[in-house]
Amino acid sequence: MDDTRDKVIALEVKVEQLSDTVERLAAAIERLTSLLDQAKGAKWAIGLMLFAGGALSSYLPTLVRWLVALR
């Protein structure tokens, strides 16, 4: 009977340790998810800046010619 009781106690300790490990892993996954969400937002911001820069650079020669013609 003592042998079974000792095994149950040992299993309870292992289950508690596994629970702690799962909680730490869940917290780490949550932090990684938030970092990926931030990176996704930065990707959109960089894309919009590239679009605005490309549009400006394509219209800049036309604007310069227009400004020179006004003189």
Protein backbone atom coordinates (compact mmCIF):
# COMPACT_ATOMS: atom_id res chain seq x y z
CA MET A 1 0.00 0.00 0.00
CA ASP A 2 2.83 2.41 0.81
CA ASP A 3 4.38 1.81 -2.59
CA THR A 4 1.21 2.91 -4.39
CA ARG A 5 0.87 5.97 -2.15
CA ASP A 6 4.47 7.00 -2.89
CA LYS A 7 3.89 6.60 -6.61
CA VAL A 8 0.77 8.77 -6.46
CA ILE A 9 2.65 11.47 -4.54
CA ALA A 10 5.49 11.37 -7.07
CA LEU A 11 3.01 11.67 -9.93
CA GLU A 12 1.32 14.65 -8.25
CA VAL A 13 4.68 16.40 -8.04
CA LYS A 14 5.38 15.69 -11.72
CA VAL A 15 1.94 16.94 -12.74
CA GLU A 16 2.49 20.16 -10.78
CA GLN A 17 5.86 20.69 -12.46
CA LEU A 18 4.33 20.06 -15.89
CA SER A 19 1.57 22.54 -15.12
CA ASP A 20 4.16 25.20 -14.28
CA THR A 21 6.03 24.43 -17.49
CA VAL A 22 2.86 24.70 -19.57
CA GLU A 23 2.02 28.07 -17.96
CA ARG A 24 5.51 29.41 -18.75
CA LEU A 25 5.26 28.18 -22.35
CA ALA A 26 1.84 29.78 -22.74
CA ALA A 27 3.24 33.11 -21.54
CA ALA A 28 6.17 32.82 -23.96
CA ILE A 29 3.83 32.06 -26.86
CA GLU A 30 1.70 35.06 -25.96
CA ARG A 31 4.78 37.33 -26.00
CA LEU A 32 5.87 35.94 -29.38
CA THR A 33 2.38 36.47 -30.79
CA SER A 34 2.40 40.10 -29.70
CA LEU A 35 5.83 40.59 -31.30
CA LEU A 36 4.58 39.13 -34.56
CA ASP A 37 1.55 41.42 -34.48
CA GLN A 38 3.86 44.42 -34.02
CA ALA A 39 6.00 43.25 -36.93
CA LYS A 40 2.90 42.93 -39.11
CA GLY A 41 2.00 46.55 -38.34
CA ALA A 42 5.53 47.70 -39.11
CA LYS A 43 5.40 45.83 -42.41
CA TRP A 44 2.30 47.77 -43.42
CA ALA A 45 3.87 51.08 -42.37
CA ILE A 46 7.00 50.39 -44.43
CA GLY A 47 4.87 49.40 -47.42
CA LEU A 48 2.87 52.63 -47.22
CA MET A 49 6.06 54.70 -46.95
CA LEU A 50 7.49 52.94 -50.01
CA PHE A 51 4.27 53.56 -51.93
CA ALA A 52 4.25 57.25 -51.00
CA GLY A 53 7.94 57.63 -51.93
CA GLY A 54 7.42 55.93 -55.28
CA ALA A 55 4.40 58.05 -56.11
CA LEU A 56 6.24 61.24 -55.14
CA SER A 57 9.32 60.33 -57.14
CA SER A 58 7.24 59.53 -60.23
CA TYR A 59 5.38 62.87 -60.12
CA LEU A 60 8.36 64.99 -59.07
CA PRO A 61 9.73 65.63 -62.61
CA THR A 62 6.29 66.79 -63.76
CA LEU A 63 5.97 69.12 -60.78
CA VAL A 64 9.47 70.55 -61.34
CA ARG A 65 8.71 71.25 -65.02
CA TRP A 66 5.44 72.89 -64.03
CA LEU A 67 7.18 75.09 -61.43
CA VAL A 68 9.91 76.07 -63.91
CA ALA A 69 7.28 76.97 -66.55
CA LEU A 70 5.59 79.35 -64.10
CA ARG A 71 8.70 81.51 -63.80
